Amino acid sequence: MNELERRIEKALSGDAPTFVRTMPRGTIGKVRVRQAFNSFVTLGLVVGLALGAFNLLSAAPRASYGSGSWQSVAPPGGELPSPQGAADGINDSTVDPPSSDTAGEDTRAVSVNSSDPYTDQIAGQELYLVTQKHVVAHGHVRGIEWSLAAYDTRRFAEYLGGPCADLFVGDMGDYGGIVLCLHTNETPSNAQFALAGFGNNSDPMAGPITGYAGLVGSQVSTVELRLADGTTSELRLFDAPSGIDARYFSVFVDEATAGTIVALGSDGTAVDRERLCVGEAPEAPNNIGCGHGLLGLSSIVTSDPFGG
């Protein structure tokens, strides 16, 4: 820039008008309020997302999950439906034919009808379910309903993935039940046998109920109940629908029955075994669960069996 250009620039800048525009009254306050509102909205969204994630991760069956060979929970709340059971009630067992295929099943929560065999299906179960829960056997013990359900899981929280089972006692599962899986922190990765026991003495009309449920892999051909008095009986294995790689069994016995359940291969040799772990009925009418492969024990509130 030469001397002439500098003089022209100086003259122009000195003569150029200056415009000053003031903001309307209260503009700064409005800006501050808007900034504070946006901050609260952002904070609310963050809190909402955090609570939503917590609730989603908390959506699991009503059992108190955690590996362990023995668990105990308080008895069901409210009055048990009457008459649920009667002393010396009829014992029976009915097998539900498995559906042909589980591919593409909707694993979200489904409604539960008390006139049908019970399955414990709740919102959020799609986090761990690969298939729906399919009742493979159901019946009565001392006049009280029971249901045995089969399903497959993926790795999530306490679930390590693979076939699992629910044994629930009572219409709508109101006496509680047990959850067991073939693969848990207590079983090897190549496990072929899982067994868990359930004990309940909540209903004085029915008396103590002791039941066992289990599932076996492809290497197991038969399962035997061997009582301490020398009596041996073969337990029926229930097939699961295609897509659930296990077979299932259940048996109810008298209180304090001693013995062993043995899984046998095709050559008759023992693949695995587990003792009957439920002893005398508890002094307090708690639900108790024990066994190898036990994942959870449930006590269902029964004061309103049709209310969630």
Protein backbone atom coordinates (compact mmCIF):
# COMPACT_ATOMS: atom_id res chain seq x y z
CA MET A 1 0.00 0.00 0.00
CA ASN A 2 1.48 3.40 -1.09
CA GLU A 3 1.14 6.79 0.58
CA LEU A 4 -1.87 7.82 -1.49
CA GLU A 5 -3.81 4.69 -0.59
CA ARG A 6 -3.08 5.23 3.11
CA ARG A 7 -4.43 8.80 2.97
CA ILE A 8 -7.63 7.66 1.19
CA GLU A 9 -8.18 4.88 3.75
CA LYS A 10 -7.70 7.31 6.65
CA ALA A 11 -10.16 9.78 5.18
CA LEU A 12 -12.80 7.18 4.54
CA SER A 13 -12.55 5.59 8.00
CA GLY A 14 -12.81 8.97 9.67
CA ASP A 15 -15.95 9.97 7.74
CA ALA A 16 -17.74 6.56 7.82
CA PRO A 17 -20.85 6.51 10.04
CA THR A 18 -21.00 4.21 13.08
CA PHE A 19 -24.20 2.21 13.70
CA VAL A 20 -25.09 1.13 17.23
CA ARG A 21 -28.20 -1.07 17.81
CA THR A 22 -29.36 -1.76 21.33
CA MET A 23 -31.15 -5.04 22.28
CA PRO A 24 -34.77 -4.88 23.48
CA ARG A 25 -35.30 -4.74 27.23
CA GLY A 26 -35.08 -8.17 28.88
CA THR A 27 -33.22 -9.90 26.02
CA ILE A 28 -30.33 -11.03 28.21
CA GLY A 29 -32.73 -12.47 30.80
CA LYS A 30 -34.63 -14.38 28.12
CA VAL A 31 -31.40 -15.82 26.76
CA ARG A 32 -30.36 -16.93 30.24
CA VAL A 33 -33.79 -18.56 30.84
CA ARG A 34 -33.60 -20.36 27.48
CA GLN A 35 -30.11 -21.61 28.28
CA ALA A 36 -31.25 -22.89 31.69
CA PHE A 37 -34.33 -24.59 30.14
CA ASN A 38 -32.16 -26.34 27.53
CA SER A 39 -29.82 -27.51 30.27
CA PHE A 40 -32.71 -28.99 32.29
CA VAL A 41 -34.13 -30.70 29.20
CA THR A 42 -30.75 -32.22 28.39
CA LEU A 43 -30.31 -33.37 31.99
CA GLY A 44 -33.81 -34.88 31.97
CA LEU A 45 -33.09 -36.81 28.78
CA VAL A 46 -29.87 -38.19 30.24
CA VAL A 47 -31.65 -39.27 33.45
CA GLY A 48 -34.52 -40.79 31.45
CA LEU A 49 -32.15 -42.79 29.26
CA ALA A 50 -30.26 -44.01 32.32
CA LEU A 51 -33.47 -45.10 34.08
CA GLY A 52 -34.73 -46.76 30.91
CA ALA A 53 -31.50 -48.71 30.54
CA PHE A 54 -31.65 -49.76 34.19
CA ASN A 55 -35.25 -50.95 33.89
CA LEU A 56 -34.48 -52.85 30.70
CA LEU A 57 -31.52 -54.62 32.25
CA SER A 58 -33.59 -55.34 35.34
CA ALA A 59 -36.30 -57.06 33.32
CA ALA A 60 -35.70 -60.69 34.21
CA PRO A 61 -37.80 -63.51 35.56
CA ARG A 62 -39.27 -63.05 39.04
CA ALA A 63 -36.76 -65.50 40.46
CA SER A 64 -33.85 -64.29 42.57
CA TYR A 65 -31.06 -65.22 40.19
CA GLY A 66 -27.55 -66.20 41.13
CA SER A 67 -25.59 -69.40 40.94
CA GLY A 68 -25.58 -71.48 44.09
CA SER A 69 -26.36 -75.03 45.16
CA TRP A 70 -28.94 -73.91 47.75
CA GLN A 71 -31.39 -71.02 47.87
CA SER A 72 -34.33 -70.06 50.04
CA VAL A 73 -36.94 -67.33 49.64
CA ALA A 74 -39.92 -66.16 51.64
CA PRO A 75 -43.23 -67.89 51.00
CA PRO A 76 -45.78 -66.44 48.58
CA GLY A 77 -47.59 -63.37 49.83
CA GLY A 78 -51.34 -63.14 50.24
CA GLU A 79 -53.72 -66.06 50.60
CA LEU A 80 -53.21 -69.07 48.41
CA PRO A 81 -56.13 -69.73 46.04
CA SER A 82 -58.57 -72.09 47.68
CA PRO A 83 -59.01 -74.87 47.15
CA GLN A 84 -55.67 -75.24 45.33
CA GLY A 85 -54.91 -78.64 46.75
CA ALA A 86 -56.30 -81.25 49.06
CA ALA A 87 -54.63 -83.98 51.08
CA ASP A 88 -54.21 -87.16 49.01
CA GLY A 89 -55.18 -85.27 45.88
CA ILE A 90 -54.96 -86.89 42.46
CA ASN A 91 -51.53 -86.92 40.84
CA ASP A 92 -51.41 -86.94 37.06
CA SER A 93 -49.15 -85.85 34.23
CA THR A 94 -49.88 -84.68 30.71
CA VAL A 95 -47.31 -84.10 28.00
CA ASP A 96 -47.79 -81.20 25.61
CA PRO A 97 -46.57 -82.15 22.12
CA PRO A 98 -43.69 -79.84 21.18
CA SER A 99 -44.17 -77.46 18.29
CA SER A 100 -42.27 -78.35 15.15
CA ASP A 101 -39.87 -75.42 15.02
CA THR A 102 -38.82 -72.43 17.14
CA ALA A 103 -37.17 -70.45 14.33
CA GLY A 104 -38.30 -66.84 14.14
CA GLU A 105 -40.37 -66.92 17.33
CA ASP A 106 -41.39 -63.66 18.94
CA THR A 107 -39.66 -63.78 22.34
CA ARG A 108 -41.33 -60.72 23.78
CA ALA A 109 -43.71 -61.01 26.72
CA VAL A 110 -46.97 -62.84 26.11
CA SER A 111 -50.18 -62.91 28.10
CA VAL A 112 -50.55 -65.77 30.54
CA ASN A 113 -53.91 -67.53 30.84
CA SER A 114 -54.51 -69.33 34.12
CA SER A 115 -56.51 -72.05 32.36
CA ASP A 116 -53.40 -73.03 30.42
CA PRO A 117 -50.18 -74.60 31.75
CA TYR A 118 -48.18 -71.80 33.32
CA THR A 119 -45.07 -70.17 31.89
CA ASP A 120 -43.35 -67.22 33.54
CA GLN A 121 -43.02 -64.77 30.66
CA ILE A 122 -42.40 -61.10 31.34
CA ALA A 123 -41.49 -57.91 29.51
CA GLY A 124 -37.79 -57.76 28.70
CA GLN A 125 -37.28 -61.50 28.38
CA GLU A 126 -36.12 -61.02 24.78
CA LEU A 127 -32.79 -59.94 26.26
CA TYR A 128 -31.95 -63.55 27.08
CA LEU A 129 -34.48 -65.74 25.26
CA VAL A 130 -33.65 -67.31 21.91
CA THR A 131 -36.97 -69.18 21.85
CA GLN A 132 -40.29 -68.80 23.58
CA LYS A 133 -40.98 -70.88 26.70
CA HIS A 134 -42.76 -74.09 25.72
CA VAL A 135 -44.55 -76.27 28.26
CA VAL A 136 -43.35 -79.84 27.67
CA ALA A 137 -45.22 -81.46 30.59
CA HIS A 138 -47.81 -80.46 33.18
CA GLY A 139 -50.05 -82.09 35.74
CA HIS A 140 -51.06 -82.13 39.41
CA VAL A 141 -49.34 -83.07 42.63
CA ARG A 142 -51.56 -83.40 45.72
CA GLY A 143 -54.22 -81.71 43.63
CA ILE A 144 -51.99 -78.69 42.88
CA GLU A 145 -51.03 -77.78 39.31
CA TRP A 146 -47.46 -77.84 38.05
CA SER A 147 -45.84 -76.93 34.72
CA LEU A 148 -42.44 -77.75 33.20
CA ALA A 149 -41.30 -75.37 30.46
CA ALA A 150 -38.34 -75.64 28.06
CA TYR A 151 -36.54 -72.81 26.29
CA ASP A 152 -33.19 -71.75 24.85
CA THR A 153 -31.14 -68.74 25.96
CA ARG A 154 -28.30 -66.53 24.83
CA ARG A 155 -25.48 -65.24 27.06
CA PHE A 156 -26.85 -62.42 29.21
CA ALA A 157 -26.24 -61.63 32.90
CA GLU A 158 -26.48 -64.95 34.78
CA TYR A 159 -27.41 -66.83 31.62
CA LEU A 160 -24.39 -68.43 29.92
CA GLY A 161 -26.41 -69.49 26.90
CA GLY A 162 -28.04 -72.81 26.07
CA PRO A 163 -31.14 -74.77 27.10
CA CYS A 164 -32.94 -73.98 30.37
CA ALA A 165 -36.07 -75.09 32.23
CA ASP A 166 -38.72 -73.66 34.54
CA LEU A 167 -40.63 -75.81 37.01
CA PHE A 168 -43.52 -73.86 38.53
CA VAL A 169 -46.02 -75.18 41.05
CA GLY A 170 -49.57 -73.90 41.38
CA ASP A 171 -52.00 -72.30 38.97
CA MET A 172 -50.21 -69.21 37.60
CA GLY A 173 -47.09 -70.45 39.43
CA ASP A 174 -48.48 -69.13 42.69
CA TYR A 175 -46.56 -71.61 44.86
CA GLY A 176 -43.26 -70.55 43.30
CA GLY A 177 -40.74 -72.61 41.40
CA ILE A 178 -37.18 -73.09 40.21
CA VAL A 179 -35.16 -72.08 37.17
CA LEU A 180 -32.30 -74.30 36.02
CA CYS A 181 -29.98 -74.38 33.02
CA LEU A 182 -27.63 -76.89 31.47
CA HIS A 183 -24.82 -74.32 31.49
CA THR A 184 -24.19 -72.28 34.65
CA ASN A 185 -21.19 -71.17 36.68
CA GLU A 186 -21.50 -74.50 38.51
CA THR A 187 -21.55 -76.75 35.44
CA PRO A 188 -18.83 -77.46 32.85
CA SER A 189 -19.14 -76.05 29.35
CA ASN A 190 -19.83 -79.55 28.00
CA ALA A 191 -22.40 -80.42 30.68
CA GLN A 192 -24.89 -83.16 29.77
CA PHE A 193 -27.00 -83.13 32.94
CA ALA A 194 -28.54 -80.56 35.28
CA LEU A 195 -30.89 -81.20 38.21
CA ALA A 196 -32.55 -78.94 40.75
CA GLY A 197 -35.04 -79.57 43.55
CA PHE A 198 -37.94 -77.52 44.89
CA GLY A 199 -39.56 -77.65 48.32
CA ASN A 200 -42.65 -75.85 49.60
CA ASN A 201 -44.88 -76.23 52.64
CA SER A 202 -47.12 -73.19 52.21
CA ASP A 203 -50.49 -74.91 52.01
CA PRO A 204 -51.56 -76.93 55.08
CA MET A 205 -54.28 -78.60 53.03
CA ALA A 206 -51.82 -80.00 50.51
CA GLY A 207 -48.90 -80.52 52.87
CA PRO A 208 -45.24 -80.37 51.86
CA ILE A 209 -44.44 -80.56 48.14
CA THR A 210 -41.05 -81.78 46.96
CA GLY A 211 -40.25 -81.87 43.26
CA TYR A 212 -37.24 -82.20 40.98
CA ALA A 213 -36.68 -81.08 37.41
CA GLY A 214 -33.77 -81.61 35.07
CA LEU A 215 -32.54 -81.53 31.52
CA VAL A 216 -30.04 -83.64 29.61
CA GLY A 217 -27.91 -83.36 26.49
CA SER A 218 -27.58 -85.68 23.51
CA GLN A 219 -25.09 -88.03 25.23
CA VAL A 220 -27.73 -89.10 27.75
CA SER A 221 -30.10 -91.91 26.77
CA THR A 222 -32.02 -92.55 29.99
CA VAL A 223 -32.45 -91.06 33.45
CA GLU A 224 -33.07 -93.16 36.55
CA LEU A 225 -34.39 -92.33 40.02
CA ARG A 226 -32.53 -94.55 42.50
CA LEU A 227 -33.98 -94.38 46.00
CA ALA A 228 -32.03 -95.18 49.16
CA ASP A 229 -34.26 -98.21 49.80
CA GLY A 230 -33.05 -99.83 46.57
CA THR A 231 -36.04 -98.93 44.40
CA THR A 232 -35.06 -97.84 40.88
CA SER A 233 -37.36 -96.35 38.26
CA GLU A 234 -36.75 -94.81 34.86
CA LEU A 235 -37.95 -91.24 34.46
CA ARG A 236 -39.65 -90.16 31.27
CA LEU A 237 -37.71 -87.75 29.09
CA PHE A 238 -39.86 -85.08 27.45
CA ASP A 239 -38.85 -83.84 24.01
CA ALA A 240 -38.51 -80.12 23.40
CA PRO A 241 -39.41 -78.30 20.17
CA SER A 242 -36.85 -78.14 17.39
CA GLY A 243 -34.26 -75.51 18.23
CA ILE A 244 -33.99 -76.44 21.92
CA ASP A 245 -31.15 -78.94 22.17
CA ALA A 246 -32.16 -80.84 25.31
CA ARG A 247 -34.70 -83.25 26.78
CA TYR A 248 -36.45 -82.68 30.08
CA PHE A 249 -37.76 -84.62 33.08
CA SER A 250 -39.54 -83.99 36.36
CA VAL A 251 -40.57 -86.06 39.37
CA PHE A 252 -42.35 -85.39 42.67
CA VAL A 253 -41.44 -87.41 45.75
CA ASP A 254 -42.44 -87.63 49.40
CA GLU A 255 -40.90 -85.29 51.95
CA ALA A 256 -37.30 -86.16 52.95
CA THR A 257 -36.98 -88.86 50.27
CA ALA A 258 -33.32 -89.88 49.95
CA GLY A 259 -31.71 -91.11 46.78
CA THR A 260 -29.98 -90.14 43.55
CA ILE A 261 -30.96 -89.26 40.00
CA VAL A 262 -28.51 -90.73 37.49
CA ALA A 263 -28.07 -89.83 33.82
CA LEU A 264 -26.98 -92.83 31.72
CA GLY A 265 -25.38 -93.06 28.30
CA SER A 266 -26.43 -95.48 25.56
CA ASP A 267 -24.00 -98.11 26.91
CA GLY A 268 -25.56 -97.95 30.39
CA THR A 269 -22.67 -96.16 32.07
CA ALA A 270 -23.33 -93.14 34.27
CA VAL A 271 -22.70 -89.82 32.52
CA ASP A 272 -23.52 -87.77 35.63
CA ARG A 273 -25.52 -87.98 38.84
CA GLU A 274 -26.94 -85.75 41.55
CA ARG A 275 -28.41 -86.58 44.93
CA LEU A 276 -31.91 -85.64 45.99
CA CYS A 277 -31.10 -82.48 47.93
CA VAL A 278 -34.44 -81.40 49.46
CA GLY A 279 -34.78 -82.80 52.99
CA GLU A 280 -37.45 -82.11 55.59
CA ALA A 281 -39.91 -79.32 54.91
CA PRO A 282 -38.65 -76.04 56.39
CA GLU A 283 -40.03 -75.00 59.76
CA ALA A 284 -41.18 -71.74 58.22
CA PRO A 285 -43.18 -72.18 55.01
CA ASN A 286 -40.38 -70.89 52.79
CA ASN A 287 -39.69 -72.03 49.26
CA ILE A 288 -36.35 -73.79 49.05
CA GLY A 289 -34.29 -74.75 46.02
CA CYS A 290 -31.09 -76.73 45.60
CA GLY A 291 -29.12 -78.67 43.06
CA HIS A 292 -26.55 -78.64 40.27
CA GLY A 293 -27.55 -76.16 37.57
CA LEU A 294 -29.97 -74.19 39.75
CA LEU A 295 -30.15 -70.62 38.47
CA GLY A 296 -33.02 -69.14 40.47
CA LEU A 297 -35.78 -69.74 42.96
CA SER A 298 -39.09 -67.91 42.83
CA SER A 299 -41.85 -67.04 45.25
CA ILE A 300 -44.86 -65.70 43.41
CA VAL A 301 -47.24 -63.26 45.11
CA THR A 302 -50.70 -64.77 44.99
CA SER A 303 -53.01 -62.19 46.58
CA ASP A 304 -54.05 -61.17 43.04
CA PRO A 305 -53.11 -64.00 40.66
CA PHE A 306 -54.54 -62.16 37.66
CA GLY A 307 -52.86 -58.85 38.30
CA GLY A 308 -49.39 -58.77 36.75
